[in-house]
Amino acid sequence: MASAVGKFGALFPLLVPAGAAAVAYAGHKAVHVDWKILLTNFLTGPGRTSRLLLIFFVLLNWKSMPLGWTVRSPSPISQRHSTKLTNNRSASSTRGYTIS
């Protein structure tokens, strides 16, 4: 049985340029959008209540959404830099080190 990594490795040289081209095309099209009219229609058009409630629901339940855990939030990034390792031989559960 062939592994999925082997199949992906064969397509990788094709996927990288295709992905870069797709991102460039999307950026090019985003420049030509009239964002003021688009946002006005989004916030004041028909169905605005359900759209705004859906955005509110997604923001409150971000980690419950599909692939929500793949996006890092700012708090773990700031906590990671403030954590330091100190030597404490009395703490046997952490093998002499405590995290503060």
N, C-alpha and C. Protein backbone atom coordinates (compact mmCIF):
# COMPACT_ATOMS: atom_id res chain seq x y z
N MET A 1 0.84 -1.17 0.00
CA MET A 1 0.00 0.00 0.00
C MET A 1 0.89 1.23 0.00
N ALA A 2 0.67 2.14 -0.91
CA ALA A 2 1.48 3.34 -1.02
C ALA A 2 1.07 4.36 0.04
N SER A 3 2.05 5.09 0.53
CA SER A 3 1.74 6.08 1.55
C SER A 3 1.27 7.37 0.90
N ALA A 4 0.53 8.14 1.66
CA ALA A 4 0.02 9.42 1.17
C ALA A 4 1.14 10.43 1.00
N VAL A 5 2.20 10.30 1.80
CA VAL A 5 3.32 11.23 1.70
C VAL A 5 4.02 11.07 0.36
N GLY A 6 4.16 9.86 -0.09
CA GLY A 6 4.79 9.62 -1.39
C GLY A 6 3.99 10.22 -2.53
N LYS A 7 2.69 10.12 -2.47
CA LYS A 7 1.84 10.68 -3.52
C LYS A 7 1.90 12.21 -3.49
N PHE A 8 1.89 12.78 -2.28
CA PHE A 8 1.96 14.23 -2.18
C PHE A 8 3.32 14.75 -2.63
N GLY A 9 4.36 14.01 -2.33
CA GLY A 9 5.70 14.42 -2.74
C GLY A 9 5.84 14.51 -4.24
N ALA A 10 5.14 13.65 -4.96
CA ALA A 10 5.19 13.70 -6.42
C ALA A 10 4.45 14.92 -6.96
N LEU A 11 3.41 15.36 -6.28
CA LEU A 11 2.63 16.52 -6.74
C LEU A 11 3.17 17.84 -6.21
N PHE A 12 4.06 17.80 -5.24
CA PHE A 12 4.55 19.02 -4.59
C PHE A 12 5.14 20.03 -5.58
N PRO A 13 5.97 19.61 -6.55
CA PRO A 13 6.50 20.60 -7.50
C PRO A 13 5.42 21.29 -8.34
N LEU A 14 4.26 20.67 -8.46
CA LEU A 14 3.17 21.30 -9.21
C LEU A 14 2.29 22.17 -8.32
N LEU A 15 2.13 21.77 -7.05
CA LEU A 15 1.24 22.49 -6.15
C LEU A 15 1.79 23.83 -5.69
N VAL A 16 3.09 23.93 -5.51
CA VAL A 16 3.67 25.19 -5.03
C VAL A 16 3.49 26.31 -6.04
N PRO A 17 3.86 26.13 -7.31
CA PRO A 17 3.61 27.23 -8.27
C PRO A 17 2.13 27.51 -8.49
N ALA A 18 1.30 26.46 -8.47
CA ALA A 18 -0.15 26.68 -8.65
C ALA A 18 -0.71 27.46 -7.47
N GLY A 19 -0.28 27.14 -6.25
CA GLY A 19 -0.73 27.88 -5.07
C GLY A 19 -0.27 29.33 -5.08
N ALA A 20 0.97 29.55 -5.49
CA ALA A 20 1.48 30.92 -5.58
C ALA A 20 0.72 31.72 -6.62
N ALA A 21 0.41 31.09 -7.74
CA ALA A 21 -0.36 31.78 -8.78
C ALA A 21 -1.77 32.10 -8.29
N ALA A 22 -2.38 31.19 -7.53
CA ALA A 22 -3.73 31.44 -7.02
C ALA A 22 -3.74 32.59 -6.02
N VAL A 23 -2.74 32.66 -5.16
CA VAL A 23 -2.65 33.76 -4.19
C VAL A 23 -2.41 35.08 -4.91
N ALA A 24 -1.56 35.09 -5.92
CA ALA A 24 -1.30 36.32 -6.69
C ALA A 24 -2.56 36.78 -7.42
N TYR A 25 -3.30 35.87 -7.99
CA TYR A 25 -4.53 36.23 -8.69
C TYR A 25 -5.57 36.78 -7.73
N ALA A 26 -5.71 36.15 -6.57
CA ALA A 26 -6.68 36.63 -5.57
C ALA A 26 -6.29 38.03 -5.08
N GLY A 27 -5.00 38.27 -4.87
CA GLY A 27 -4.55 39.60 -4.46
C GLY A 27 -4.81 40.64 -5.54
N HIS A 28 -4.60 40.26 -6.80
CA HIS A 28 -4.85 41.18 -7.91
C HIS A 28 -6.33 41.54 -7.99
N LYS A 29 -7.21 40.56 -7.80
CA LYS A 29 -8.65 40.83 -7.86
C LYS A 29 -9.12 41.62 -6.63
N ALA A 30 -8.49 41.43 -5.48
CA ALA A 30 -8.90 42.14 -4.27
C ALA A 30 -8.60 43.63 -4.36
N VAL A 31 -7.61 44.01 -5.16
CA VAL A 31 -7.27 45.42 -5.32
C VAL A 31 -8.38 46.16 -6.06
N HIS A 32 -9.07 45.47 -6.96
CA HIS A 32 -10.08 46.11 -7.80
C HIS A 32 -11.49 46.09 -7.21
N VAL A 33 -11.64 45.62 -6.00
CA VAL A 33 -12.96 45.58 -5.35
C VAL A 33 -13.21 46.91 -4.64
N ASP A 34 -14.42 47.43 -4.77
CA ASP A 34 -14.80 48.64 -4.04
C ASP A 34 -15.29 48.21 -2.66
N TRP A 35 -14.37 48.23 -1.70
CA TRP A 35 -14.63 47.68 -0.37
C TRP A 35 -15.69 48.47 0.39
N LYS A 36 -15.78 49.77 0.16
CA LYS A 36 -16.78 50.57 0.87
C LYS A 36 -18.20 50.15 0.49
N ILE A 37 -18.44 49.98 -0.79
CA ILE A 37 -19.77 49.54 -1.25
C ILE A 37 -20.04 48.11 -0.79
N LEU A 38 -19.04 47.25 -0.87
CA LEU A 38 -19.22 45.87 -0.46
C LEU A 38 -19.58 45.76 1.02
N LEU A 39 -18.88 46.51 1.88
CA LEU A 39 -19.18 46.48 3.31
C LEU A 39 -20.53 47.12 3.63
N THR A 40 -20.86 48.18 2.91
CA THR A 40 -22.16 48.82 3.12
C THR A 40 -23.29 47.86 2.77
N ASN A 41 -23.15 47.17 1.65
CA ASN A 41 -24.17 46.19 1.25
C ASN A 41 -24.23 45.02 2.23
N PHE A 42 -23.07 44.62 2.74
CA PHE A 42 -23.03 43.51 3.68
C PHE A 42 -23.71 43.87 5.00
N LEU A 43 -23.46 45.08 5.49
CA LEU A 43 -23.98 45.48 6.80
C LEU A 43 -25.41 46.01 6.77
N THR A 44 -25.90 46.45 5.61
CA THR A 44 -27.23 47.05 5.56
C THR A 44 -28.19 46.34 4.62
N GLY A 45 -27.73 45.36 3.85
CA GLY A 45 -28.58 44.69 2.87
C GLY A 45 -29.52 43.69 3.51
N PRO A 46 -30.35 43.04 2.68
CA PRO A 46 -31.27 42.03 3.20
C PRO A 46 -30.50 40.86 3.82
N GLY A 47 -30.99 40.35 4.93
CA GLY A 47 -30.33 39.26 5.62
C GLY A 47 -29.19 39.69 6.51
N ARG A 48 -29.10 40.98 6.80
CA ARG A 48 -27.96 41.49 7.58
C ARG A 48 -27.95 40.93 9.00
N THR A 49 -29.13 40.73 9.58
CA THR A 49 -29.18 40.25 10.96
C THR A 49 -28.58 38.85 11.07
N SER A 50 -28.95 37.98 10.15
CA SER A 50 -28.42 36.61 10.21
C SER A 50 -26.92 36.60 9.91
N ARG A 51 -26.45 37.44 9.00
CA ARG A 51 -25.01 37.50 8.71
C ARG A 51 -24.23 38.00 9.91
N LEU A 52 -24.73 39.05 10.55
CA LEU A 52 -24.02 39.60 11.71
C LEU A 52 -24.05 38.62 12.90
N LEU A 53 -25.17 37.94 13.09
CA LEU A 53 -25.23 36.93 14.16
C LEU A 53 -24.30 35.76 13.86
N LEU A 54 -24.19 35.38 12.60
CA LEU A 54 -23.28 34.30 12.23
C LEU A 54 -21.83 34.70 12.49
N ILE A 55 -21.45 35.91 12.16
CA ILE A 55 -20.09 36.38 12.44
C ILE A 55 -19.84 36.42 13.94
N PHE A 56 -20.81 36.89 14.70
CA PHE A 56 -20.69 36.93 16.16
C PHE A 56 -20.52 35.51 16.72
N PHE A 57 -21.31 34.55 16.21
CA PHE A 57 -21.21 33.16 16.64
C PHE A 57 -19.84 32.57 16.31
N VAL A 58 -19.35 32.83 15.12
CA VAL A 58 -18.04 32.30 14.72
C VAL A 58 -16.93 32.87 15.59
N LEU A 59 -17.00 34.16 15.88
CA LEU A 59 -15.95 34.76 16.72
C LEU A 59 -15.98 34.22 18.14
N LEU A 60 -17.17 33.98 18.69
CA LEU A 60 -17.26 33.44 20.04
C LEU A 60 -16.86 31.98 20.12
N ASN A 61 -17.09 31.22 19.06
CA ASN A 61 -16.81 29.79 19.06
C ASN A 61 -15.68 29.44 18.09
N TRP A 62 -14.66 30.27 18.03
CA TRP A 62 -13.60 30.09 17.04
C TRP A 62 -12.95 28.71 17.13
N LYS A 63 -12.66 28.24 18.32
CA LYS A 63 -11.96 26.97 18.47
C LYS A 63 -12.87 25.77 18.20
N SER A 64 -14.18 25.97 18.10
CA SER A 64 -15.08 24.89 17.76
C SER A 64 -15.29 24.77 16.26
N MET A 65 -14.81 25.72 15.50
CA MET A 65 -14.98 25.69 14.06
C MET A 65 -13.97 24.73 13.42
N PRO A 66 -14.30 24.18 12.27
CA PRO A 66 -13.33 23.32 11.58
C PRO A 66 -12.04 24.09 11.29
N LEU A 67 -10.93 23.49 11.59
CA LEU A 67 -9.59 24.06 11.41
C LEU A 67 -9.33 25.27 12.30
N GLY A 68 -10.17 25.50 13.28
CA GLY A 68 -9.96 26.63 14.18
C GLY A 68 -8.71 26.49 15.03
N TRP A 69 -8.32 25.25 15.34
CA TRP A 69 -7.14 25.03 16.17
C TRP A 69 -5.86 25.25 15.39
N THR A 70 -5.93 25.35 14.07
CA THR A 70 -4.71 25.56 13.29
C THR A 70 -4.29 27.02 13.28
N VAL A 71 -5.17 27.92 13.70
CA VAL A 71 -4.85 29.33 13.75
C VAL A 71 -4.46 29.69 15.17
N ARG A 72 -3.28 30.25 15.33
CA ARG A 72 -2.82 30.60 16.68
C ARG A 72 -3.46 31.90 17.12
N SER A 73 -3.81 31.96 18.38
CA SER A 73 -4.32 33.20 18.93
C SER A 73 -3.18 33.97 19.57
N PRO A 74 -3.31 35.28 19.77
CA PRO A 74 -2.20 36.07 20.30
C PRO A 74 -1.77 35.71 21.72
N SER A 75 -2.68 35.20 22.56
CA SER A 75 -2.30 34.95 23.95
C SER A 75 -1.27 33.85 24.12
N PRO A 76 -1.34 32.71 23.43
CA PRO A 76 -0.28 31.72 23.62
C PRO A 76 1.08 32.21 23.13
N ILE A 77 1.09 33.06 22.12
CA ILE A 77 2.36 33.59 21.63
C ILE A 77 3.00 34.47 22.68
N SER A 78 2.22 35.33 23.32
CA SER A 78 2.79 36.22 24.34
C SER A 78 3.17 35.45 25.60
N GLN A 79 2.44 34.40 25.93
CA GLN A 79 2.76 33.60 27.11
C GLN A 79 4.02 32.77 26.90
N ARG A 80 4.27 32.35 25.66
CA ARG A 80 5.43 31.53 25.38
C ARG A 80 6.72 32.29 25.64
N HIS A 81 6.75 33.58 25.33
CA HIS A 81 7.96 34.37 25.52
C HIS A 81 8.18 34.76 26.97
N SER A 82 7.13 34.75 27.79
CA SER A 82 7.29 35.14 29.18
C SER A 82 7.62 33.96 30.09
N THR A 83 7.59 32.73 29.55
CA THR A 83 7.88 31.54 30.35
C THR A 83 9.38 31.34 30.43
N LYS A 84 9.89 31.13 31.66
CA LYS A 84 11.31 30.85 31.81
C LYS A 84 11.49 29.63 32.70
N LEU A 85 12.59 28.93 32.52
CA LEU A 85 12.87 27.70 33.23
C LEU A 85 13.88 28.00 34.34
N THR A 86 13.53 27.65 35.58
CA THR A 86 14.43 27.87 36.70
C THR A 86 14.77 26.55 37.36
N ASN A 87 15.93 26.47 37.96
CA ASN A 87 16.39 25.24 38.60
C ASN A 87 15.84 25.16 40.02
N ASN A 88 15.14 24.06 40.33
CA ASN A 88 14.58 23.84 41.66
C ASN A 88 14.64 22.33 41.92
N ARG A 89 15.60 21.87 42.69
CA ARG A 89 15.81 20.44 42.91
C ARG A 89 14.75 19.80 43.80
N SER A 90 13.93 20.59 44.48
CA SER A 90 12.93 20.00 45.37
C SER A 90 11.69 19.51 44.62
N ALA A 91 11.47 19.96 43.44
CA ALA A 91 10.30 19.55 42.66
C ALA A 91 10.63 18.27 41.89
N SER A 92 10.21 17.13 42.40
CA SER A 92 10.56 15.85 41.79
C SER A 92 9.72 15.56 40.55
N SER A 93 8.50 16.11 40.47
CA SER A 93 7.64 15.80 39.33
C SER A 93 8.16 16.43 38.04
N THR A 94 8.90 17.51 38.14
CA THR A 94 9.43 18.14 36.93
C THR A 94 10.93 17.88 36.80
N ARG A 95 11.46 16.92 37.53
CA ARG A 95 12.85 16.52 37.47
C ARG A 95 13.81 17.65 37.79
N GLY A 96 13.48 18.43 38.80
CA GLY A 96 14.38 19.47 39.26
C GLY A 96 14.18 20.83 38.63
N TYR A 97 13.25 20.96 37.72
CA TYR A 97 13.02 22.24 37.07
C TYR A 97 11.57 22.66 37.26
N THR A 98 11.37 23.93 37.47
CA THR A 98 10.01 24.45 37.54
C THR A 98 9.85 25.54 36.49
N ILE A 99 8.65 25.64 35.99
CA ILE A 99 8.35 26.65 35.00
C ILE A 99 7.62 27.77 35.68
N SER A 100 8.15 28.99 35.54
CA SER A 100 7.49 30.14 36.19
C SER A 100 7.24 31.23 35.17
